[in-house]
Amino acid sequence: MIKQLSLCALMLCFVKVTYAQDEYISLFNGKNLEGWQIFGTELWYVEDGLLISESGPEKDYGYLGTVQQFKDFELEAQFKQEADGNSGIFIRSTVDGTKVSGWQVEVAPPGQDTGGIYESYGRGWLVKPDPSKDAALRYGDWNHMRIVVKGDRVVSYLNGVEMVDYTDELIGKGEGSILLQIHDGGGIKIYWKDIRVKVL
């Protein structure tokens, strides 16, 4: 009887772990920045259930990163740009001060390659979307970004439109967190909500 119970318990545990990997986990609770850490002096705060990123007095780069690291995952987030709106979502990335090492899926104003992949302090632009896909961006309104990262492949989608599908050996070797960016230069304000991740 004891052996049977132990076996059942093990099976239940296995089912729970497998099920959890197929489910989205919310990264933002709508109340505070629990589970995140701030890099730099730019502004990150919660207001009316939204995560807001805003340039501070220093007008420098700023990052908000997950405490937890993610390797293979599917990320979904909604963003709305106000003012300049230059930002990004970093994958498998690390930060030292305000110097980031990793890869950014661009979030930018019209005509500036939202959905493309940029390697900071390295090779620069790795791939940009076809210019015709820029029409998918709803500037000043809510946008849905979906990013699938598995092995050495990254696919980005903006409002249901595939922006880029890129394979890169160095990205495949990358380790780190998910980061949101405030670009330098000042005048930036972006709203975020419904940030969630599914481990693959």
N, C-alpha and C. Protein backbone atom coordinates (compact mmCIF):
# COMPACT_ATOMS: atom_id res chain seq x y z
N MET A 1 0.83 -1.21 0.00
CA MET A 1 0.00 0.00 0.00
C MET A 1 0.86 1.25 0.00
N ILE A 2 1.91 1.26 0.82
CA ILE A 2 2.81 2.41 0.91
C ILE A 2 3.53 2.62 -0.41
N LYS A 3 3.96 1.50 -1.04
CA LYS A 3 4.64 1.61 -2.32
C LYS A 3 3.72 2.19 -3.39
N GLN A 4 2.44 1.75 -3.37
CA GLN A 4 1.48 2.25 -4.34
C GLN A 4 1.24 3.75 -4.17
N LEU A 5 1.13 4.20 -2.91
CA LEU A 5 0.93 5.62 -2.64
C LEU A 5 2.13 6.44 -3.09
N SER A 6 3.32 5.89 -2.83
CA SER A 6 4.54 6.61 -3.23
C SER A 6 4.61 6.76 -4.73
N LEU A 7 4.24 5.67 -5.44
CA LEU A 7 4.25 5.71 -6.90
C LEU A 7 3.25 6.73 -7.42
N CYS A 8 2.05 6.75 -6.81
CA CYS A 8 1.03 7.72 -7.21
C CYS A 8 1.50 9.15 -6.97
N ALA A 9 2.15 9.38 -5.83
CA ALA A 9 2.65 10.71 -5.50
C ALA A 9 3.68 11.16 -6.52
N LEU A 10 4.56 10.23 -6.90
CA LEU A 10 5.58 10.57 -7.90
C LEU A 10 4.95 10.91 -9.24
N MET A 11 3.92 10.14 -9.61
CA MET A 11 3.24 10.38 -10.88
C MET A 11 2.55 11.75 -10.88
N LEU A 12 1.93 12.09 -9.74
CA LEU A 12 1.27 13.39 -9.62
C LEU A 12 2.26 14.53 -9.75
N CYS A 13 3.41 14.36 -9.10
CA CYS A 13 4.45 15.39 -9.17
C CYS A 13 4.91 15.58 -10.61
N PHE A 14 5.10 14.45 -11.31
CA PHE A 14 5.56 14.53 -12.70
C PHE A 14 4.53 15.25 -13.56
N VAL A 15 3.27 14.92 -13.36
CA VAL A 15 2.21 15.56 -14.13
C VAL A 15 2.18 17.06 -13.88
N LYS A 16 2.35 17.47 -12.61
CA LYS A 16 2.31 18.89 -12.27
C LYS A 16 3.45 19.65 -12.94
N VAL A 17 4.66 19.07 -12.94
CA VAL A 17 5.80 19.74 -13.54
C VAL A 17 5.60 19.88 -15.05
N THR A 18 5.16 18.80 -15.70
CA THR A 18 4.93 18.83 -17.14
C THR A 18 3.86 19.85 -17.48
N TYR A 19 2.80 19.89 -16.71
CA TYR A 19 1.70 20.82 -16.94
C TYR A 19 2.16 22.26 -16.80
N ALA A 20 3.00 22.52 -15.78
CA ALA A 20 3.50 23.87 -15.54
C ALA A 20 4.32 24.38 -16.72
N GLN A 21 5.06 23.48 -17.38
CA GLN A 21 5.89 23.90 -18.50
C GLN A 21 5.06 24.26 -19.72
N ASP A 22 3.82 23.82 -19.76
CA ASP A 22 2.94 24.12 -20.87
C ASP A 22 2.07 25.34 -20.60
N GLU A 23 2.24 25.95 -19.45
CA GLU A 23 1.38 27.06 -19.06
C GLU A 23 2.15 28.37 -19.00
N TYR A 24 1.46 29.46 -19.31
CA TYR A 24 2.06 30.78 -19.17
C TYR A 24 2.15 31.18 -17.70
N ILE A 25 3.26 31.83 -17.37
CA ILE A 25 3.48 32.37 -16.03
C ILE A 25 3.48 33.88 -16.14
N SER A 26 2.70 34.56 -15.31
CA SER A 26 2.68 36.02 -15.34
C SER A 26 3.97 36.57 -14.72
N LEU A 27 4.62 37.48 -15.42
CA LEU A 27 5.85 38.09 -14.91
C LEU A 27 5.58 39.42 -14.21
N PHE A 28 4.41 39.98 -14.44
CA PHE A 28 4.06 41.26 -13.84
C PHE A 28 2.71 41.14 -13.15
N ASN A 29 2.68 41.44 -11.84
CA ASN A 29 1.46 41.21 -11.05
C ASN A 29 0.50 42.39 -11.04
N GLY A 30 0.85 43.48 -11.71
CA GLY A 30 -0.04 44.63 -11.78
C GLY A 30 -0.07 45.49 -10.52
N LYS A 31 0.77 45.14 -9.53
CA LYS A 31 0.77 45.85 -8.26
C LYS A 31 2.12 46.48 -7.92
N ASN A 32 3.19 45.72 -8.20
CA ASN A 32 4.54 46.19 -7.85
C ASN A 32 5.55 45.50 -8.76
N LEU A 33 6.83 45.71 -8.48
CA LEU A 33 7.89 45.16 -9.32
C LEU A 33 8.49 43.88 -8.75
N GLU A 34 7.69 43.13 -8.02
CA GLU A 34 8.15 41.86 -7.46
C GLU A 34 8.60 40.94 -8.60
N GLY A 35 9.78 40.34 -8.42
CA GLY A 35 10.32 39.45 -9.44
C GLY A 35 11.19 40.15 -10.47
N TRP A 36 11.34 41.48 -10.33
CA TRP A 36 12.14 42.26 -11.26
C TRP A 36 13.22 43.03 -10.50
N GLN A 37 14.25 43.45 -11.20
CA GLN A 37 15.27 44.32 -10.62
C GLN A 37 15.60 45.45 -11.58
N ILE A 38 15.84 46.63 -11.01
CA ILE A 38 16.09 47.83 -11.81
C ILE A 38 17.59 48.03 -11.99
N PHE A 39 17.99 48.39 -13.20
CA PHE A 39 19.38 48.73 -13.51
C PHE A 39 19.39 50.16 -14.04
N GLY A 40 20.17 51.03 -13.39
CA GLY A 40 20.23 52.42 -13.80
C GLY A 40 19.28 53.30 -12.99
N THR A 41 19.20 54.56 -13.38
CA THR A 41 18.42 55.54 -12.62
C THR A 41 17.15 55.99 -13.34
N GLU A 42 16.84 55.39 -14.47
CA GLU A 42 15.60 55.75 -15.17
C GLU A 42 14.41 55.19 -14.39
N LEU A 43 13.22 55.61 -14.74
CA LEU A 43 12.05 55.37 -13.91
C LEU A 43 11.25 54.14 -14.34
N TRP A 44 10.95 53.30 -13.35
CA TRP A 44 10.09 52.13 -13.54
C TRP A 44 9.10 52.12 -12.38
N TYR A 45 7.81 52.18 -12.68
CA TYR A 45 6.82 52.21 -11.61
C TYR A 45 5.50 51.64 -12.09
N VAL A 46 4.61 51.36 -11.14
CA VAL A 46 3.30 50.78 -11.43
C VAL A 46 2.22 51.80 -11.13
N GLU A 47 1.30 51.97 -12.07
CA GLU A 47 0.21 52.92 -11.90
C GLU A 47 -1.03 52.38 -12.63
N ASP A 48 -2.15 52.28 -11.89
CA ASP A 48 -3.41 51.78 -12.47
C ASP A 48 -3.25 50.41 -13.11
N GLY A 49 -2.44 49.57 -12.47
CA GLY A 49 -2.25 48.21 -12.95
C GLY A 49 -1.32 48.07 -14.14
N LEU A 50 -0.68 49.17 -14.55
CA LEU A 50 0.24 49.15 -15.68
C LEU A 50 1.68 49.36 -15.21
N LEU A 51 2.61 48.72 -15.90
CA LEU A 51 4.03 48.95 -15.68
C LEU A 51 4.45 50.09 -16.60
N ILE A 52 5.03 51.13 -16.03
CA ILE A 52 5.40 52.30 -16.81
C ILE A 52 6.91 52.49 -16.78
N SER A 53 7.49 52.67 -17.95
CA SER A 53 8.93 52.98 -18.06
C SER A 53 9.04 54.39 -18.61
N GLU A 54 9.89 55.19 -17.96
CA GLU A 54 9.97 56.60 -18.30
C GLU A 54 11.39 57.12 -18.10
N SER A 55 11.82 57.97 -19.02
CA SER A 55 13.14 58.57 -18.88
C SER A 55 13.22 59.40 -17.61
N GLY A 56 14.38 59.31 -16.93
CA GLY A 56 14.64 60.11 -15.75
C GLY A 56 15.49 61.32 -16.08
N PRO A 57 15.90 62.07 -15.06
CA PRO A 57 16.69 63.29 -15.27
C PRO A 57 18.01 63.06 -15.99
N GLU A 58 18.62 61.89 -15.80
CA GLU A 58 19.92 61.62 -16.42
C GLU A 58 19.80 61.26 -17.90
N LYS A 59 18.61 60.92 -18.35
CA LYS A 59 18.36 60.59 -19.76
C LYS A 59 19.32 59.53 -20.28
N ASP A 60 19.53 58.52 -19.44
CA ASP A 60 20.49 57.47 -19.75
C ASP A 60 19.74 56.19 -20.11
N TYR A 61 20.51 55.14 -20.41
CA TYR A 61 19.90 53.83 -20.59
C TYR A 61 19.40 53.31 -19.25
N GLY A 62 18.30 52.57 -19.29
CA GLY A 62 17.78 51.93 -18.09
C GLY A 62 17.19 50.58 -18.45
N TYR A 63 17.23 49.66 -17.49
CA TYR A 63 16.74 48.31 -17.74
C TYR A 63 15.96 47.80 -16.53
N LEU A 64 14.96 47.00 -16.81
CA LEU A 64 14.22 46.28 -15.78
C LEU A 64 14.27 44.81 -16.16
N GLY A 65 14.93 44.02 -15.32
CA GLY A 65 15.16 42.62 -15.66
C GLY A 65 14.50 41.65 -14.71
N THR A 66 14.14 40.50 -15.23
CA THR A 66 13.60 39.45 -14.37
C THR A 66 14.70 38.89 -13.49
N VAL A 67 14.37 38.65 -12.23
CA VAL A 67 15.32 38.01 -11.32
C VAL A 67 15.64 36.61 -11.83
N GLN A 68 14.64 35.94 -12.33
CA GLN A 68 14.81 34.59 -12.86
C GLN A 68 15.37 34.64 -14.28
N GLN A 69 16.23 33.68 -14.60
CA GLN A 69 16.75 33.57 -15.95
C GLN A 69 15.88 32.60 -16.76
N PHE A 70 15.82 32.85 -18.07
CA PHE A 70 15.02 32.02 -18.96
C PHE A 70 15.85 31.66 -20.18
N LYS A 71 15.84 30.39 -20.55
CA LYS A 71 16.62 29.91 -21.70
C LYS A 71 15.71 29.76 -22.93
N ASP A 72 14.89 28.71 -22.94
CA ASP A 72 13.95 28.49 -24.03
C ASP A 72 12.56 28.88 -23.54
N PHE A 73 11.90 29.77 -24.25
CA PHE A 73 10.63 30.28 -23.75
C PHE A 73 9.83 30.95 -24.86
N GLU A 74 8.57 31.18 -24.56
CA GLU A 74 7.68 31.99 -25.40
C GLU A 74 7.19 33.13 -24.52
N LEU A 75 7.42 34.34 -24.96
CA LEU A 75 7.05 35.53 -24.20
C LEU A 75 5.95 36.29 -24.91
N GLU A 76 4.98 36.77 -24.14
CA GLU A 76 3.96 37.66 -24.67
C GLU A 76 3.92 38.91 -23.80
N ALA A 77 3.74 40.06 -24.42
CA ALA A 77 3.64 41.33 -23.69
C ALA A 77 2.87 42.33 -24.53
N GLN A 78 2.19 43.23 -23.86
CA GLN A 78 1.53 44.32 -24.56
C GLN A 78 2.22 45.63 -24.18
N PHE A 79 2.41 46.51 -25.16
CA PHE A 79 3.07 47.79 -24.90
C PHE A 79 2.35 48.90 -25.65
N LYS A 80 2.41 50.09 -25.08
CA LYS A 80 1.87 51.29 -25.73
C LYS A 80 2.90 52.39 -25.60
N GLN A 81 3.28 52.99 -26.72
CA GLN A 81 4.33 54.00 -26.76
C GLN A 81 3.76 55.40 -26.66
N GLU A 82 4.42 56.20 -25.86
CA GLU A 82 4.08 57.61 -25.76
C GLU A 82 5.38 58.39 -25.92
N ALA A 83 5.32 59.56 -26.48
CA ALA A 83 6.53 60.35 -26.76
C ALA A 83 7.41 59.57 -27.73
N ASP A 84 8.71 59.46 -27.46
CA ASP A 84 9.64 58.83 -28.39
C ASP A 84 9.33 57.34 -28.57
N GLY A 85 9.15 56.64 -27.47
CA GLY A 85 8.75 55.24 -27.55
C GLY A 85 9.84 54.25 -27.90
N ASN A 86 11.13 54.64 -27.79
CA ASN A 86 12.22 53.73 -28.14
C ASN A 86 12.57 52.84 -26.96
N SER A 87 12.41 51.53 -27.16
CA SER A 87 12.64 50.56 -26.09
C SER A 87 13.02 49.23 -26.72
N GLY A 88 12.84 48.16 -25.97
CA GLY A 88 13.14 46.84 -26.48
C GLY A 88 12.94 45.79 -25.42
N ILE A 89 12.87 44.55 -25.86
CA ILE A 89 12.78 43.39 -24.97
C ILE A 89 14.02 42.55 -25.21
N PHE A 90 14.85 42.42 -24.18
CA PHE A 90 16.08 41.65 -24.29
C PHE A 90 15.86 40.21 -23.86
N ILE A 91 16.54 39.31 -24.54
CA ILE A 91 16.46 37.88 -24.24
C ILE A 91 17.84 37.36 -23.84
N ARG A 92 17.87 36.41 -22.91
CA ARG A 92 19.13 35.77 -22.50
C ARG A 92 20.23 36.81 -22.28
N SER A 93 19.92 37.82 -21.51
CA SER A 93 20.83 38.97 -21.39
C SER A 93 21.23 39.24 -19.95
N THR A 94 22.36 39.92 -19.78
CA THR A 94 22.86 40.31 -18.46
C THR A 94 23.20 41.80 -18.49
N VAL A 95 23.23 42.42 -17.30
CA VAL A 95 23.53 43.85 -17.20
C VAL A 95 24.60 44.08 -16.15
N ASP A 96 25.56 44.95 -16.48
CA ASP A 96 26.58 45.40 -15.53
C ASP A 96 26.48 46.91 -15.48
N GLY A 97 25.92 47.44 -14.40
CA GLY A 97 25.63 48.87 -14.34
C GLY A 97 24.47 49.18 -15.27
N THR A 98 24.77 49.83 -16.39
CA THR A 98 23.76 50.00 -17.44
C THR A 98 24.30 49.49 -18.78
N LYS A 99 25.34 48.67 -18.73
CA LYS A 99 25.87 48.05 -19.95
C LYS A 99 25.29 46.65 -20.07
N VAL A 100 24.52 46.45 -21.12
CA VAL A 100 23.83 45.19 -21.31
C VAL A 100 24.58 44.32 -22.30
N SER A 101 24.57 43.02 -22.03
CA SER A 101 25.16 42.04 -22.95
C SER A 101 24.05 41.08 -23.34
N GLY A 102 23.72 41.06 -24.63
CA GLY A 102 22.66 40.17 -25.07
C GLY A 102 21.99 40.67 -26.33
N TRP A 103 20.74 40.24 -26.51
CA TRP A 103 20.03 40.47 -27.76
C TRP A 103 18.69 41.11 -27.50
N GLN A 104 18.41 42.13 -28.28
CA GLN A 104 17.20 42.93 -28.11
C GLN A 104 16.24 42.71 -29.28
N VAL A 105 14.99 42.42 -28.94
CA VAL A 105 13.92 42.50 -29.93
C VAL A 105 13.40 43.92 -29.86
N GLU A 106 13.59 44.66 -30.92
CA GLU A 106 13.37 46.11 -30.93
C GLU A 106 11.90 46.49 -30.71
N VAL A 107 11.70 47.53 -29.90
CA VAL A 107 10.42 48.22 -29.76
C VAL A 107 10.73 49.69 -30.02
N ALA A 108 10.18 50.24 -31.10
CA ALA A 108 10.61 51.58 -31.52
C ALA A 108 9.48 52.30 -32.25
N PRO A 109 9.65 53.60 -32.48
CA PRO A 109 8.65 54.35 -33.25
C PRO A 109 8.56 53.84 -34.69
N PRO A 110 7.56 54.28 -35.43
CA PRO A 110 7.40 53.84 -36.83
C PRO A 110 8.66 54.08 -37.65
N GLY A 111 8.94 53.11 -38.50
CA GLY A 111 10.09 53.22 -39.40
C GLY A 111 11.42 52.88 -38.76
N GLN A 112 11.40 52.37 -37.51
CA GLN A 112 12.65 52.07 -36.81
C GLN A 112 12.78 50.61 -36.42
N ASP A 113 12.16 49.73 -37.19
CA ASP A 113 12.45 48.29 -37.17
C ASP A 113 11.97 47.55 -35.92
N THR A 114 10.79 47.90 -35.41
CA THR A 114 10.20 47.12 -34.32
C THR A 114 10.10 45.65 -34.72
N GLY A 115 10.53 44.78 -33.82
CA GLY A 115 10.51 43.34 -34.09
C GLY A 115 11.83 42.79 -34.59
N GLY A 116 12.75 43.68 -35.00
CA GLY A 116 14.07 43.23 -35.43
C GLY A 116 14.94 42.84 -34.25
N ILE A 117 16.09 42.23 -34.52
CA ILE A 117 16.98 41.75 -33.45
C ILE A 117 18.32 42.49 -33.53
N TYR A 118 18.70 43.07 -32.40
CA TYR A 118 19.92 43.88 -32.30
C TYR A 118 20.79 43.31 -31.19
N GLU A 119 22.08 43.15 -31.45
CA GLU A 119 23.02 42.68 -30.44
C GLU A 119 23.78 43.87 -29.87
N SER A 120 23.53 44.17 -28.60
CA SER A 120 24.16 45.33 -27.96
C SER A 120 25.63 45.08 -27.66
N TYR A 121 26.44 46.11 -27.86
CA TYR A 121 27.88 46.05 -27.61
C TYR A 121 28.52 44.85 -28.30
N GLY A 122 28.05 44.59 -29.52
CA GLY A 122 28.58 43.46 -30.28
C GLY A 122 28.44 43.71 -31.77
N ARG A 123 27.66 42.89 -32.44
CA ARG A 123 27.55 42.95 -33.90
C ARG A 123 26.50 43.95 -34.39
N GLY A 124 25.77 44.57 -33.47
CA GLY A 124 24.74 45.52 -33.90
C GLY A 124 23.52 44.80 -34.47
N TRP A 125 22.94 45.36 -35.52
CA TRP A 125 21.76 44.76 -36.12
C TRP A 125 22.09 43.38 -36.71
N LEU A 126 21.32 42.38 -36.30
CA LEU A 126 21.47 41.04 -36.87
C LEU A 126 20.44 40.81 -37.97
N VAL A 127 19.23 41.30 -37.74
CA VAL A 127 18.19 41.16 -38.76
C VAL A 127 17.11 42.22 -38.51
N LYS A 128 16.64 42.81 -39.60
CA LYS A 128 15.55 43.79 -39.53
C LYS A 128 14.34 43.24 -40.28
N PRO A 129 13.13 43.61 -39.85
CA PRO A 129 11.95 43.17 -40.58
C PRO A 129 11.90 43.82 -41.96
N ASP A 130 11.19 43.19 -42.87
CA ASP A 130 10.92 43.83 -44.15
C ASP A 130 10.18 45.14 -43.87
N PRO A 131 10.56 46.23 -44.51
CA PRO A 131 9.93 47.54 -44.24
C PRO A 131 8.40 47.53 -44.37
N SER A 132 7.87 46.66 -45.21
CA SER A 132 6.42 46.62 -45.38
C SER A 132 5.69 46.17 -44.11
N LYS A 133 6.41 45.46 -43.23
CA LYS A 133 5.79 44.95 -42.00
C LYS A 133 5.65 46.03 -40.93
N ASP A 134 6.25 47.18 -41.17
CA ASP A 134 6.15 48.27 -40.19
C ASP A 134 4.69 48.71 -39.99
N ALA A 135 3.85 48.41 -40.98
CA ALA A 135 2.43 48.77 -40.89
C ALA A 135 1.73 48.03 -39.74
N ALA A 136 2.35 46.97 -39.22
CA ALA A 136 1.75 46.21 -38.11
C ALA A 136 1.79 46.99 -36.80
N LEU A 137 2.69 47.96 -36.69
CA LEU A 137 2.83 48.74 -35.46
C LEU A 137 1.69 49.74 -35.32
N ARG A 138 1.04 49.73 -34.16
CA ARG A 138 -0.02 50.69 -33.86
C ARG A 138 0.54 51.72 -32.88
N TYR A 139 1.21 52.72 -33.41
CA TYR A 139 1.88 53.70 -32.56
C TYR A 139 0.86 54.51 -31.77
N GLY A 140 1.09 54.64 -30.46
CA GLY A 140 0.17 55.36 -29.60
C GLY A 140 -0.99 54.54 -29.11
N ASP A 141 -1.06 53.27 -29.52
CA ASP A 141 -2.11 52.35 -29.08
C ASP A 141 -1.44 51.08 -28.57
N TRP A 142 -2.24 50.17 -28.03
CA TRP A 142 -1.69 48.93 -27.49
C TRP A 142 -1.25 48.00 -28.62
N ASN A 143 -0.08 47.40 -28.43
CA ASN A 143 0.48 46.43 -29.36
C ASN A 143 0.77 45.13 -28.62
N HIS A 144 0.64 44.04 -29.32
CA HIS A 144 0.94 42.73 -28.74
C HIS A 144 2.22 42.18 -29.36
N MET A 145 3.22 41.95 -28.52
CA MET A 145 4.49 41.37 -28.96
C MET A 145 4.58 39.93 -28.47
N ARG A 146 4.96 39.04 -29.37
CA ARG A 146 5.19 37.64 -29.02
C ARG A 146 6.57 37.25 -29.52
N ILE A 147 7.36 36.65 -28.63
CA ILE A 147 8.73 36.26 -28.97
C ILE A 147 8.92 34.79 -28.59
N VAL A 148 9.36 34.00 -29.54
CA VAL A 148 9.64 32.57 -29.29
C VAL A 148 11.15 32.36 -29.39
N VAL A 149 11.73 31.87 -28.30
CA VAL A 149 13.17 31.65 -28.24
C VAL A 149 13.41 30.17 -27.92
N LYS A 150 14.01 29.45 -28.85
CA LYS A 150 14.29 28.03 -28.62
C LYS A 150 15.58 27.65 -29.32
N GLY A 151 16.53 27.18 -28.52
CA GLY A 151 17.84 26.85 -29.09
C GLY A 151 18.48 28.09 -29.67
N ASP A 152 18.89 28.01 -30.93
CA ASP A 152 19.54 29.16 -31.57
C ASP A 152 18.59 29.93 -32.48
N ARG A 153 17.28 29.73 -32.30
CA ARG A 153 16.29 30.37 -33.17
C ARG A 153 15.41 31.34 -32.38
N VAL A 154 15.18 32.51 -32.96
CA VAL A 154 14.29 33.52 -32.37
C VAL A 154 13.29 33.95 -33.43
N VAL A 155 12.01 33.93 -33.07
CA VAL A 155 10.96 34.40 -33.97
C VAL A 155 10.17 35.47 -33.23
N SER A 156 9.95 36.61 -33.87
CA SER A 156 9.18 37.69 -33.25
C SER A 156 7.91 37.95 -34.05
N TYR A 157 6.85 38.28 -33.31
CA TYR A 157 5.56 38.59 -33.92
C TYR A 157 5.05 39.89 -33.32
N LEU A 158 4.49 40.75 -34.16
CA LEU A 158 3.89 42.00 -33.70
C LEU A 158 2.45 42.04 -34.19
N ASN A 159 1.52 42.05 -33.22
CA ASN A 159 0.09 42.06 -33.54
C ASN A 159 -0.27 40.97 -34.55
N GLY A 160 0.31 39.79 -34.32
CA GLY A 160 0.01 38.63 -35.14
C GLY A 160 0.79 38.51 -36.42
N VAL A 161 1.62 39.48 -36.73
CA VAL A 161 2.43 39.46 -37.95
C VAL A 161 3.84 39.00 -37.61
N GLU A 162 4.32 37.97 -38.30
CA GLU A 162 5.70 37.52 -38.07
C GLU A 162 6.65 38.59 -38.60
N MET A 163 7.51 39.09 -37.70
CA MET A 163 8.43 40.17 -38.08
C MET A 163 9.76 39.60 -38.56
N VAL A 164 10.39 38.74 -37.77
CA VAL A 164 11.63 38.10 -38.19
C VAL A 164 11.67 36.66 -37.67
N ASP A 165 12.42 35.83 -38.39
CA ASP A 165 12.69 34.45 -37.99
C ASP A 165 14.18 34.28 -38.21
N TYR A 166 14.93 34.21 -37.11
CA TYR A 166 16.39 34.31 -37.21
C TYR A 166 17.06 33.20 -36.40
N THR A 167 18.09 32.62 -36.99
CA THR A 167 18.87 31.55 -36.33
C THR A 167 20.31 32.02 -36.17
N ASP A 168 20.86 31.86 -34.95
CA ASP A 168 22.19 32.38 -34.68
C ASP A 168 22.86 31.53 -33.59
N GLU A 169 24.07 31.07 -33.87
CA GLU A 169 24.78 30.20 -32.94
C GLU A 169 25.07 30.88 -31.62
N LEU A 170 25.45 32.16 -31.64
CA LEU A 170 25.78 32.85 -30.39
C LEU A 170 24.54 33.04 -29.51
N ILE A 171 23.41 33.35 -30.11
CA ILE A 171 22.17 33.43 -29.33
C ILE A 171 21.88 32.09 -28.68
N GLY A 172 22.12 31.01 -29.42
CA GLY A 172 21.90 29.67 -28.88
C GLY A 172 22.71 29.38 -27.64
N LYS A 173 23.88 30.00 -27.54
CA LYS A 173 24.75 29.79 -26.38
C LYS A 173 24.46 30.76 -25.24
N GLY A 174 23.59 31.74 -25.49
CA GLY A 174 23.34 32.79 -24.52
C GLY A 174 22.65 32.31 -23.24
N GLU A 175 22.95 33.00 -22.15
CA GLU A 175 22.32 32.73 -20.85
C GLU A 175 21.95 34.07 -20.23
N GLY A 176 20.80 34.14 -19.56
CA GLY A 176 20.46 35.38 -18.88
C GLY A 176 18.98 35.57 -18.69
N SER A 177 18.61 36.81 -18.44
CA SER A 177 17.24 37.15 -18.07
C SER A 177 16.50 37.82 -19.22
N ILE A 178 15.23 38.08 -18.99
CA ILE A 178 14.41 38.90 -19.87
C ILE A 178 14.48 40.33 -19.33
N LEU A 179 14.76 41.29 -20.20
CA LEU A 179 14.91 42.68 -19.78
C LEU A 179 14.05 43.60 -20.63
N LEU A 180 13.50 44.62 -20.02
CA LEU A 180 12.86 45.71 -20.74
C LEU A 180 13.83 46.90 -20.72
N GLN A 181 13.83 47.68 -21.79
CA GLN A 181 14.80 48.77 -21.91
C GLN A 181 14.14 50.13 -21.98
N ILE A 182 14.82 51.14 -21.43
CA ILE A 182 14.57 52.54 -21.75
C ILE A 182 15.81 53.01 -22.51
N HIS A 183 15.62 53.50 -23.71
CA HIS A 183 16.76 54.00 -24.50
C HIS A 183 17.24 55.32 -23.91
N ASP A 184 18.48 55.66 -24.18
CA ASP A 184 18.99 56.95 -23.70
C ASP A 184 18.45 58.09 -24.56
N GLY A 185 18.70 59.31 -24.13
CA GLY A 185 18.27 60.48 -24.89
C GLY A 185 17.12 61.24 -24.28
N GLY A 186 16.38 60.61 -23.35
CA GLY A 186 15.27 61.30 -22.70
C GLY A 186 14.00 61.31 -23.52
N GLY A 187 12.91 61.74 -22.87
CA GLY A 187 11.64 61.91 -23.56
C GLY A 187 10.89 60.64 -23.86
N ILE A 188 11.26 59.54 -23.22
CA ILE A 188 10.64 58.24 -23.53
C ILE A 188 9.64 57.87 -22.44
N LYS A 189 8.49 57.37 -22.85
CA LYS A 189 7.50 56.84 -21.92
C LYS A 189 6.75 55.71 -22.60
N ILE A 190 6.78 54.54 -21.97
CA ILE A 190 6.13 53.36 -22.53
C ILE A 190 5.36 52.64 -21.44
N TYR A 191 4.16 52.19 -21.79
CA TYR A 191 3.31 51.43 -20.87
C TYR A 191 3.38 49.95 -21.25
N TRP A 192 3.39 49.10 -20.21
CA TRP A 192 3.46 47.66 -20.42
C TRP A 192 2.36 46.97 -19.59
N LYS A 193 1.86 45.86 -20.12
CA LYS A 193 0.92 45.05 -19.35
C LYS A 193 0.91 43.63 -19.93
N ASP A 194 0.25 42.74 -19.18
CA ASP A 194 0.07 41.34 -19.62
C ASP A 194 1.38 40.71 -20.06
N ILE A 195 2.41 40.86 -19.24
CA ILE A 195 3.72 40.27 -19.55
C ILE A 195 3.75 38.87 -18.98
N ARG A 196 3.89 37.88 -19.84
CA ARG A 196 3.85 36.50 -19.38
C ARG A 196 4.80 35.65 -20.21
N VAL A 197 5.22 34.54 -19.62
CA VAL A 197 6.20 33.68 -20.28
C VAL A 197 5.79 32.22 -20.12
N LYS A 198 6.10 31.43 -21.13
CA LYS A 198 5.89 29.99 -21.08
C LYS A 198 7.23 29.32 -21.33
N VAL A 199 7.68 28.51 -20.40
CA VAL A 199 8.94 27.79 -20.55
C VAL A 199 8.76 26.65 -21.55
N LEU A 200 9.69 26.56 -22.49
CA LEU A 200 9.61 25.53 -23.53
C LEU A 200 10.56 24.38 -23.25
